[in-house]
Amino acid sequence: MTATTRLKLQARLYCGKEIAMGPGKADLLEAIDREGSISGAGRAMGMSYRRAWLLVDAMNRCWNAPLIEAVPGGGRERGARVTPVGQAVLARFRALQARMAMLEGSEEYAALADALRDAPLPAKADHEQD
């Protein structure tokens, strides 16, 4: 097993105990921008509308302004769009991910990867733990 498969850096931004932004939510924002709807984005990502809507709701509750605006109704303007704030958050999150990816060749990354086991040791039985 290579160091890159054992050690994976992943950015997650928290708002309290809620994940305000992570790789999956960033992917969902991009899909909403591309598809123009929450349901279309969910389908494109292989998730239910309910799951996609719950993720959108969590993002909108965690930031100072909504990242996604839904436009109900039956006209041409219906669907969802990523707000300017959502676009800015997405761009900065992707930039953060890119900077983290650059760490893969660093001394710190290599040292952590070398110290990491290929698999965890078996858990101790309850009576063996102090």
Protein backbone atom coordinates (compact mmCIF):
# COMPACT_ATOMS: atom_id res chain seq x y z
CA MET A 1 0.00 0.00 0.00
CA THR A 2 1.45 3.36 -0.98
CA ALA A 3 1.65 6.39 1.27
CA THR A 4 -0.91 8.24 -0.86
CA THR A 5 -3.51 5.50 -0.35
CA ARG A 6 -2.91 5.36 3.40
CA LEU A 7 -2.83 9.08 4.10
CA LYS A 8 -5.60 11.24 2.72
CA LEU A 9 -6.00 14.89 3.68
CA GLN A 10 -9.55 16.15 3.47
CA ALA A 11 -10.93 19.59 4.26
CA ARG A 12 -14.14 19.94 6.22
CA LEU A 13 -15.45 23.20 7.62
CA TYR A 14 -17.69 22.94 10.65
CA CYS A 15 -20.46 25.16 11.96
CA GLY A 16 -20.98 23.79 15.44
CA LYS A 17 -21.32 20.04 14.93
CA GLU A 18 -22.69 20.44 11.39
CA ILE A 19 -20.41 20.11 8.36
CA ALA A 20 -20.82 23.46 6.62
CA MET A 21 -18.64 22.52 3.65
CA GLY A 22 -16.76 19.40 2.64
CA PRO A 23 -15.83 17.67 -0.60
CA GLY A 24 -19.31 16.19 -1.13
CA LYS A 25 -21.12 19.46 -0.50
CA ALA A 26 -18.71 21.25 -2.84
CA ASP A 27 -19.48 18.64 -5.50
CA LEU A 28 -23.20 19.19 -4.90
CA LEU A 29 -22.81 22.96 -5.32
CA GLU A 30 -21.05 22.39 -8.65
CA ALA A 31 -23.79 19.96 -9.74
CA ILE A 32 -26.54 22.46 -8.83
CA ASP A 33 -24.71 25.14 -10.79
CA ARG A 34 -24.40 22.82 -13.78
CA GLU A 35 -27.89 21.21 -13.64
CA GLY A 36 -29.89 24.23 -12.50
CA SER A 37 -31.89 22.27 -9.94
CA ILE A 38 -31.47 20.37 -6.69
CA SER A 39 -33.24 17.29 -8.06
CA GLY A 40 -31.13 17.32 -11.24
CA ALA A 41 -27.95 17.67 -9.20
CA GLY A 42 -29.02 14.81 -6.94
CA ARG A 43 -29.73 12.57 -9.93
CA ALA A 44 -26.38 13.46 -11.51
CA MET A 45 -24.64 12.51 -8.26
CA GLY A 46 -26.66 9.37 -7.66
CA MET A 47 -28.46 10.63 -4.56
CA SER A 48 -32.10 11.16 -3.74
CA TYR A 49 -33.74 14.56 -3.93
CA ARG A 50 -34.31 14.37 -0.16
CA ARG A 51 -30.62 13.78 0.55
CA ALA A 52 -29.59 16.60 -1.78
CA TRP A 53 -32.18 18.94 -0.23
CA LEU A 54 -30.97 18.10 3.31
CA LEU A 55 -27.39 18.93 2.31
CA VAL A 56 -28.52 22.21 0.72
CA ASP A 57 -30.51 23.05 3.86
CA ALA A 58 -27.48 22.36 6.07
CA MET A 59 -25.24 24.58 3.93
CA ASN A 60 -27.78 27.40 3.89
CA ARG A 61 -28.15 27.23 7.68
CA CYS A 62 -24.40 27.31 8.32
CA TRP A 63 -23.30 30.36 6.33
CA ASN A 64 -24.08 34.06 6.89
CA ALA A 65 -26.01 34.10 3.60
CA PRO A 66 -27.60 31.29 1.56
CA LEU A 67 -25.32 29.40 -0.83
CA ILE A 68 -28.24 28.09 -2.90
CA GLU A 69 -31.52 29.76 -3.79
CA ALA A 70 -34.44 27.64 -4.91
CA VAL A 71 -36.93 29.21 -7.31
CA PRO A 72 -40.29 27.43 -7.06
CA GLY A 73 -42.99 27.52 -9.71
CA GLY A 74 -43.62 26.28 -13.19
CA GLY A 75 -41.91 28.89 -15.37
CA ARG A 76 -38.58 28.92 -17.12
CA GLU A 77 -36.91 30.51 -14.10
CA ARG A 78 -37.75 27.64 -11.71
CA GLY A 79 -35.09 25.40 -10.21
CA ALA A 80 -32.10 26.37 -8.09
CA ARG A 81 -29.02 28.47 -8.46
CA VAL A 82 -25.79 28.94 -6.58
CA THR A 83 -25.73 32.45 -5.14
CA PRO A 84 -22.75 34.78 -5.48
CA VAL A 85 -21.87 33.92 -1.86
CA GLY A 86 -22.09 30.24 -2.78
CA GLN A 87 -19.79 30.78 -5.76
CA ALA A 88 -17.26 32.57 -3.54
CA VAL A 89 -17.39 29.89 -0.82
CA LEU A 90 -16.98 27.16 -3.44
CA ALA A 91 -14.02 28.89 -5.10
CA ARG A 92 -12.24 29.41 -1.77
CA PHE A 93 -12.94 25.85 -0.64
CA ARG A 94 -11.56 24.44 -3.92
CA ALA A 95 -8.49 26.68 -3.51
CA LEU A 96 -8.01 25.30 0.02
CA GLN A 97 -8.27 21.75 -1.34
CA ALA A 98 -5.66 22.55 -4.00
CA ARG A 99 -3.27 23.90 -1.37
CA MET A 100 -3.80 20.78 0.74
CA ALA A 101 -3.05 18.59 -2.29
CA MET A 102 0.30 20.35 -2.67
CA LEU A 103 1.26 19.04 0.79
CA GLU A 104 1.40 15.45 -0.49
CA GLY A 105 5.07 15.79 -1.35
CA SER A 106 6.03 17.53 1.89
CA GLU A 107 8.27 16.20 4.65
CA GLU A 108 5.38 16.32 7.14
CA TYR A 109 3.15 14.29 4.85
CA ALA A 110 5.86 11.66 4.28
CA ALA A 111 6.62 11.40 8.01
CA LEU A 112 2.96 10.89 8.88
CA ALA A 113 2.48 8.38 6.06
CA ASP A 114 5.55 6.41 7.24
CA ALA A 115 4.26 6.31 10.84
CA LEU A 116 0.76 5.15 9.84
CA ARG A 117 -0.06 1.43 9.97
CA ASP A 118 -1.53 -0.30 6.91
CA ALA A 119 -4.45 -1.43 9.11
CA PRO A 120 -5.41 -0.85 12.74
CA LEU A 121 -4.49 -3.35 15.42
CA PRO A 122 -7.40 -5.45 16.71
CA ALA A 123 -9.49 -3.70 19.34
CA LYS A 124 -8.92 -4.79 22.92
CA ALA A 125 -11.70 -6.71 24.63
CA ASP A 126 -13.74 -4.65 27.10
CA HIS A 127 -12.22 -6.40 30.13
CA GLU A 128 -8.66 -5.65 28.94
CA GLN A 129 -9.14 -1.90 28.79
CA ASP A 130 -8.20 0.26 31.77
